[in-house]
């Protein structure tokens, strides 16, 4: 029987994101965040292409993004409530890491597998931050899916997109756990 890492399994069985609106300072310093990013980068990556990268957004950068949201939202005809929600996502944050999906041309690894790897990095980053004792939340929203917004505010190349913004900080309150999936409804056992 394989050796069991009960502490890691217990963490995964009880982990949960912390709402970004409940996170505040202090936030991880550069050394602490580097350890979290190092753990996140140890993710499944077929072909070792590293089809993702990190952009660390500190308070001033987040304020700049928040300031850019209203004009872009108005240009796109986004509803005022959705614009305000996106403004708050950036304005109320002290630290976030943008996980940039940056696909690589490869005859062996389809782009969809590279996208899955970027998603895996997001979850690994979220879990590493939580395991390090911080609160963390994976957010997206319309600004993250707008190529013009991410190009103009984050300097993304035309082939890049945002897989997620991982907000990290000190947790101020923990909401009650939410219902989890019923495994019997989502699991098929193929035995022959």
C-alpha atoms as a PDB file:
ATOM      1  CA  UNK A   1       0.000   0.000   0.000  1.00  0.00           C
ATOM      2  CA  UNK A   2       1.369   3.466  -0.833  1.00  0.00           C
ATOM      3  CA  UNK A   3       2.490   5.782   1.943  1.00  0.00           C
ATOM      4  CA  UNK A   4      -0.345   8.116   2.844  1.00  0.00           C
ATOM      5  CA  UNK A   5       0.199  11.864   3.361  1.00  0.00           C
ATOM      6  CA  UNK A   6      -2.728  12.364   5.712  1.00  0.00           C
ATOM      7  CA  UNK A   7      -2.006  16.043   6.376  1.00  0.00           C
ATOM      8  CA  UNK A   8      -2.107  16.847   2.648  1.00  0.00           C
ATOM      9  CA  UNK A   9      -5.246  14.765   2.147  1.00  0.00           C
ATOM     10  CA  UNK A  10      -6.973  16.418   5.124  1.00  0.00           C
ATOM     11  CA  UNK A  11      -6.098  19.832   3.680  1.00  0.00           C
ATOM     12  CA  UNK A  12      -7.544  18.935   0.262  1.00  0.00           C
ATOM     13  CA  UNK A  13     -10.695  17.444   1.793  1.00  0.00           C
ATOM     14  CA  UNK A  14     -11.379  20.600   3.805  1.00  0.00           C
ATOM     15  CA  UNK A  15      -9.879  23.386   1.671  1.00  0.00           C
ATOM     16  CA  UNK A  16     -12.069  26.198   0.518  1.00  0.00           C
ATOM     17  CA  UNK A  17     -11.569  29.517  -1.135  1.00  0.00           C
ATOM     18  CA  UNK A  18     -11.964  32.660   0.924  1.00  0.00           C
ATOM     19  CA  UNK A  19     -14.086  35.391  -0.678  1.00  0.00           C
ATOM     20  CA  UNK A  20     -11.850  38.157  -2.022  1.00  0.00           C
ATOM     21  CA  UNK A  21     -13.989  40.771  -0.282  1.00  0.00           C
ATOM     22  CA  UNK A  22     -12.980  39.247   3.092  1.00  0.00           C
ATOM     23  CA  UNK A  23      -9.239  39.555   2.378  1.00  0.00           C
ATOM     24  CA  UNK A  24      -7.123  42.432   3.634  1.00  0.00           C
ATOM     25  CA  UNK A  25      -3.524  43.194   4.520  1.00  0.00           C
ATOM     26  CA  UNK A  26      -1.044  42.137   5.434  1.00  0.00           C
ATOM     27  CA  UNK A  27      -0.268  40.146   2.318  1.00  0.00           C
ATOM     28  CA  UNK A  28       2.636  37.806   1.613  1.00  0.00           C
ATOM     29  CA  UNK A  29       5.947  39.562   1.129  1.00  0.00           C
ATOM     30  CA  UNK A  30       8.070  38.864  -1.938  1.00  0.00           C
ATOM     31  CA  UNK A  31       9.874  35.903  -0.357  1.00  0.00           C
ATOM     32  CA  UNK A  32       6.639  34.316   0.880  1.00  0.00           C
ATOM     33  CA  UNK A  33       4.925  34.884  -2.460  1.00  0.00           C
ATOM     34  CA  UNK A  34       7.906  33.433  -4.329  1.00  0.00           C
ATOM     35  CA  UNK A  35       7.501  30.202  -2.353  1.00  0.00           C
ATOM     36  CA  UNK A  36       3.775  30.118  -3.221  1.00  0.00           C
ATOM     37  CA  UNK A  37       4.514  30.778  -6.909  1.00  0.00           C
ATOM     38  CA  UNK A  38       7.186  28.056  -6.873  1.00  0.00           C
ATOM     39  CA  UNK A  39       4.645  25.563  -5.558  1.00  0.00           C
ATOM     40  CA  UNK A  40       2.085  26.692  -8.156  1.00  0.00           C
ATOM     41  CA  UNK A  41       4.555  26.202 -10.990  1.00  0.00           C
ATOM     42  CA  UNK A  42       4.890  22.509 -10.059  1.00  0.00           C
ATOM     43  CA  UNK A  43       1.760  21.695 -12.004  1.00  0.00           C
ATOM     44  CA  UNK A  44       0.989  19.168 -14.744  1.00  0.00           C
ATOM     45  CA  UNK A  45       2.532  20.508 -17.936  1.00  0.00           C
ATOM     46  CA  UNK A  46       2.590  18.091 -20.888  1.00  0.00           C
ATOM     47  CA  UNK A  47       5.760  18.698 -22.888  1.00  0.00           C
ATOM     48  CA  UNK A  48       7.173  21.078 -20.247  1.00  0.00           C
ATOM     49  CA  UNK A  49       6.001  24.022 -22.334  1.00  0.00           C
ATOM     50  CA  UNK A  50       5.142  26.325 -19.424  1.00  0.00           C
ATOM     51  CA  UNK A  51       2.174  27.810 -21.317  1.00  0.00           C
ATOM     52  CA  UNK A  52       1.481  30.244 -18.494  1.00  0.00           C
ATOM     53  CA  UNK A  53       3.182  32.990 -16.572  1.00  0.00           C
ATOM     54  CA  UNK A  54       2.526  35.149 -13.514  1.00  0.00           C
ATOM     55  CA  UNK A  55       1.924  38.882 -13.216  1.00  0.00           C
ATOM     56  CA  UNK A  56       2.047  39.999  -9.572  1.00  0.00           C
ATOM     57  CA  UNK A  57      -0.284  42.932  -8.962  1.00  0.00           C
ATOM     58  CA  UNK A  58       0.385  45.033  -5.892  1.00  0.00           C
ATOM     59  CA  UNK A  59      -1.920  47.713  -4.487  1.00  0.00           C
ATOM     60  CA  UNK A  60      -0.878  50.516  -6.906  1.00  0.00           C
ATOM     61  CA  UNK A  61      -1.260  48.239  -9.943  1.00  0.00           C
ATOM     62  CA  UNK A  62      -4.665  47.041  -8.729  1.00  0.00           C
ATOM     63  CA  UNK A  63      -5.782  50.654  -8.248  1.00  0.00           C
ATOM     64  CA  UNK A  64      -4.690  51.385 -11.824  1.00  0.00           C
ATOM     65  CA  UNK A  65      -6.724  48.435 -13.114  1.00  0.00           C
ATOM     66  CA  UNK A  66      -9.747  49.559 -11.082  1.00  0.00           C
ATOM     67  CA  UNK A  67      -9.432  53.015 -12.649  1.00  0.00           C
ATOM     68  CA  UNK A  68      -9.366  51.548 -16.168  1.00  0.00           C
ATOM     69  CA  UNK A  69     -12.494  49.403 -15.730  1.00  0.00           C
ATOM     70  CA  UNK A  70     -15.265  52.051 -16.009  1.00  0.00           C
ATOM     71  CA  UNK A  71     -14.242  53.508 -19.382  1.00  0.00           C
ATOM     72  CA  UNK A  72     -13.679  50.097 -20.948  1.00  0.00           C
ATOM     73  CA  UNK A  73     -16.922  48.771 -19.512  1.00  0.00           C
ATOM     74  CA  UNK A  74     -18.839  51.740 -20.908  1.00  0.00           C
ATOM     75  CA  UNK A  75     -17.261  51.223 -24.344  1.00  0.00           C
ATOM     76  CA  UNK A  76     -18.390  47.583 -24.276  1.00  0.00           C
ATOM     77  CA  UNK A  77     -21.874  48.462 -23.029  1.00  0.00           C
ATOM     78  CA  UNK A  78     -21.441  46.495 -19.806  1.00  0.00           C
ATOM     79  CA  UNK A  79     -24.181  47.014 -17.204  1.00  0.00           C
ATOM     80  CA  UNK A  80     -23.321  49.544 -14.479  1.00  0.00           C
ATOM     81  CA  UNK A  81     -23.628  46.919 -11.707  1.00  0.00           C
ATOM     82  CA  UNK A  82     -21.148  44.612 -13.455  1.00  0.00           C
ATOM     83  CA  UNK A  83     -18.733  47.504 -13.982  1.00  0.00           C
ATOM     84  CA  UNK A  84     -18.913  48.438 -10.292  1.00  0.00           C
ATOM     85  CA  UNK A  85     -18.361  44.808  -9.248  1.00  0.00           C
ATOM     86  CA  UNK A  86     -15.229  44.655 -11.422  1.00  0.00           C
ATOM     87  CA  UNK A  87     -13.978  47.979 -10.073  1.00  0.00           C
ATOM     88  CA  UNK A  88     -14.332  46.645  -6.516  1.00  0.00           C
ATOM     89  CA  UNK A  89     -12.548  43.396  -7.415  1.00  0.00           C
ATOM     90  CA  UNK A  90      -9.415  45.425  -8.106  1.00  0.00           C
ATOM     91  CA  UNK A  91      -9.909  48.486  -5.875  1.00  0.00           C
ATOM     92  CA  UNK A  92     -10.536  46.495  -2.707  1.00  0.00           C
ATOM     93  CA  UNK A  93      -7.582  44.137  -3.198  1.00  0.00           C
ATOM     94  CA  UNK A  94      -4.132  44.415  -1.690  1.00  0.00           C
ATOM     95  CA  UNK A  95      -2.487  41.667  -3.759  1.00  0.00           C
ATOM     96  CA  UNK A  96      -3.483  39.533  -6.717  1.00  0.00           C
ATOM     97  CA  UNK A  97      -1.592  37.330  -9.136  1.00  0.00           C
ATOM     98  CA  UNK A  98      -2.767  37.270 -12.726  1.00  0.00           C
ATOM     99  CA  UNK A  99      -2.190  33.841 -14.204  1.00  0.00           C
ATOM    100  CA  UNK A 100      -1.607  34.490 -17.888  1.00  0.00           C
ATOM    101  CA  UNK A 101      -2.374  31.725 -20.366  1.00  0.00           C
ATOM    102  CA  UNK A 102       0.441  31.974 -22.908  1.00  0.00           C
ATOM    103  CA  UNK A 103       0.105  29.067 -25.353  1.00  0.00           C
ATOM    104  CA  UNK A 104       3.153  27.731 -27.148  1.00  0.00           C
ATOM    105  CA  UNK A 105       3.174  26.395 -30.700  1.00  0.00           C
ATOM    106  CA  UNK A 106       3.649  22.659 -30.386  1.00  0.00           C
ATOM    107  CA  UNK A 107       3.058  19.815 -32.840  1.00  0.00           C
ATOM    108  CA  UNK A 108       2.646  17.392 -29.912  1.00  0.00           C
ATOM    109  CA  UNK A 109       0.674  19.312 -27.275  1.00  0.00           C
ATOM    110  CA  UNK A 110      -2.708  20.718 -28.338  1.00  0.00           C
ATOM    111  CA  UNK A 111      -3.606  24.177 -27.136  1.00  0.00           C
ATOM    112  CA  UNK A 112      -6.494  22.804 -25.095  1.00  0.00           C
ATOM    113  CA  UNK A 113      -4.050  20.748 -22.994  1.00  0.00           C
ATOM    114  CA  UNK A 114      -2.000  23.882 -22.454  1.00  0.00           C
ATOM    115  CA  UNK A 115      -5.147  25.708 -21.312  1.00  0.00           C
ATOM    116  CA  UNK A 116      -5.861  22.926 -18.820  1.00  0.00           C
ATOM    117  CA  UNK A 117      -2.323  23.371 -17.492  1.00  0.00           C
ATOM    118  CA  UNK A 118      -2.979  27.091 -16.953  1.00  0.00           C
ATOM    119  CA  UNK A 119      -6.136  26.202 -15.035  1.00  0.00           C
ATOM    120  CA  UNK A 120      -4.150  23.724 -12.970  1.00  0.00           C
ATOM    121  CA  UNK A 121      -1.667  26.505 -12.155  1.00  0.00           C
ATOM    122  CA  UNK A 122      -4.547  28.667 -10.903  1.00  0.00           C
ATOM    123  CA  UNK A 123      -5.752  25.924  -8.563  1.00  0.00           C
ATOM    124  CA  UNK A 124      -2.207  25.113  -7.449  1.00  0.00           C
ATOM    125  CA  UNK A 125      -1.592  28.792  -6.695  1.00  0.00           C
ATOM    126  CA  UNK A 126      -4.843  29.036  -4.769  1.00  0.00           C
ATOM    127  CA  UNK A 127      -4.076  25.893  -2.765  1.00  0.00           C
ATOM    128  CA  UNK A 128      -0.465  26.908  -2.100  1.00  0.00           C
ATOM    129  CA  UNK A 129      -1.609  30.264  -0.724  1.00  0.00           C
ATOM    130  CA  UNK A 130      -4.192  28.557   1.483  1.00  0.00           C
ATOM    131  CA  UNK A 131      -1.672  25.946   2.662  1.00  0.00           C
ATOM    132  CA  UNK A 132       0.735  28.766   3.547  1.00  0.00           C
ATOM    133  CA  UNK A 133      -1.931  30.185   5.870  1.00  0.00           C
ATOM    134  CA  UNK A 134      -3.271  32.996   3.692  1.00  0.00           C
ATOM    135  CA  UNK A 135      -6.787  33.544   2.471  1.00  0.00           C
ATOM    136  CA  UNK A 136      -7.119  33.214  -1.305  1.00  0.00           C
ATOM    137  CA  UNK A 137      -9.743  33.439  -4.024  1.00  0.00           C
ATOM    138  CA  UNK A 138      -9.721  32.741  -7.780  1.00  0.00           C
ATOM    139  CA  UNK A 139     -11.673  35.373  -9.699  1.00  0.00           C
ATOM    140  CA  UNK A 140     -12.163  36.298 -13.324  1.00  0.00           C
ATOM    141  CA  UNK A 141     -14.958  38.554 -14.633  1.00  0.00           C
ATOM    142  CA  UNK A 142     -15.474  40.344 -17.910  1.00  0.00           C
ATOM    143  CA  UNK A 143     -12.254  42.449 -17.725  1.00  0.00           C
ATOM    144  CA  UNK A 144     -10.174  39.269 -17.633  1.00  0.00           C
ATOM    145  CA  UNK A 145     -11.861  38.037 -20.825  1.00  0.00           C
ATOM    146  CA  UNK A 146     -11.582  41.311 -22.740  1.00  0.00           C
ATOM    147  CA  UNK A 147      -8.456  41.198 -24.959  1.00  0.00           C
ATOM    148  CA  UNK A 148      -8.287  44.990 -25.208  1.00  0.00           C
ATOM    149  CA  UNK A 149      -8.458  45.484 -21.434  1.00  0.00           C
ATOM    150  CA  UNK A 150      -5.755  42.906 -20.641  1.00  0.00           C
ATOM    151  CA  UNK A 151      -3.528  44.133 -23.468  1.00  0.00           C
ATOM    152  CA  UNK A 152      -3.786  47.784 -22.441  1.00  0.00           C
ATOM    153  CA  UNK A 153      -3.592  47.310 -18.662  1.00  0.00           C
ATOM    154  CA  UNK A 154      -1.303  44.291 -18.314  1.00  0.00           C
ATOM    155  CA  UNK A 155       0.643  44.305 -21.571  1.00  0.00           C
ATOM    156  CA  UNK A 156      -0.495  40.851 -22.646  1.00  0.00           C
ATOM    157  CA  UNK A 157       0.485  39.738 -26.134  1.00  0.00           C
ATOM    158  CA  UNK A 158      -2.241  39.125 -28.708  1.00  0.00           C
ATOM    159  CA  UNK A 159      -2.077  35.334 -28.201  1.00  0.00           C
ATOM    160  CA  UNK A 160      -2.314  35.571 -24.389  1.00  0.00           C
ATOM    161  CA  UNK A 161      -5.317  35.689 -22.077  1.00  0.00           C
ATOM    162  CA  UNK A 162      -6.078  35.625 -18.359  1.00  0.00           C
ATOM    163  CA  UNK A 163      -6.754  32.233 -16.790  1.00  0.00           C
ATOM    164  CA  UNK A 164      -7.588  33.884 -13.490  1.00  0.00           C
ATOM    165  CA  UNK A 165      -6.790  36.502 -10.895  1.00  0.00           C
ATOM    166  CA  UNK A 166      -5.760  34.849  -7.628  1.00  0.00           C
ATOM    167  CA  UNK A 167      -6.368  37.273  -4.755  1.00  0.00           C
ATOM    168  CA  UNK A 168      -4.248  36.618  -1.674  1.00  0.00           C
ATOM    169  CA  UNK A 169      -4.355  38.257   1.737  1.00  0.00           C
ATOM    170  CA  UNK A 170      -5.246  37.984   5.380  1.00  0.00           C
ATOM    171  CA  UNK A 171      -8.642  36.468   5.978  1.00  0.00           C
ATOM    172  CA  UNK A 172     -10.980  38.614   8.071  1.00  0.00           C
ATOM    173  CA  UNK A 173     -13.936  36.225   8.221  1.00  0.00           C
ATOM    174  CA  UNK A 174     -14.762  32.763   6.994  1.00  0.00           C
ATOM    175  CA  UNK A 175     -18.218  32.115   5.590  1.00  0.00           C
ATOM    176  CA  UNK A 176     -19.874  28.788   6.323  1.00  0.00           C
ATOM    177  CA  UNK A 177     -18.929  25.905   4.089  1.00  0.00           C
ATOM    178  CA  UNK A 178     -21.072  25.525   0.999  1.00  0.00           C
ATOM    179  CA  UNK A 179     -22.742  22.321  -0.145  1.00  0.00           C
ATOM    180  CA  UNK A 180     -20.383  20.013  -2.009  1.00  0.00           C
ATOM    181  CA  UNK A 181     -21.154  17.827  -5.035  1.00  0.00           C
ATOM    182  CA  UNK A 182     -23.008  14.557  -4.534  1.00  0.00           C
ATOM    183  CA  UNK A 183     -20.410  12.077  -5.801  1.00  0.00           C
ATOM    184  CA  UNK A 184     -23.080   9.516  -6.655  1.00  0.00           C
ATOM    185  CA  UNK A 185     -24.540  11.978  -9.170  1.00  0.00           C
ATOM    186  CA  UNK A 186     -21.257  12.864 -10.857  1.00  0.00           C
ATOM    187  CA  UNK A 187     -19.297   9.605 -10.757  1.00  0.00           C
ATOM    188  CA  UNK A 188     -19.491   6.645 -13.120  1.00  0.00           C
ATOM    189  CA  UNK A 189     -17.570   3.474 -12.255  1.00  0.00           C
ATOM    190  CA  UNK A 190     -16.500   1.557 -15.383  1.00  0.00           C
ATOM    191  CA  UNK A 191     -15.595  -1.951 -14.296  1.00  0.00           C
ATOM    192  CA  UNK A 192     -15.432  -3.875 -17.571  1.00  0.00           C
END
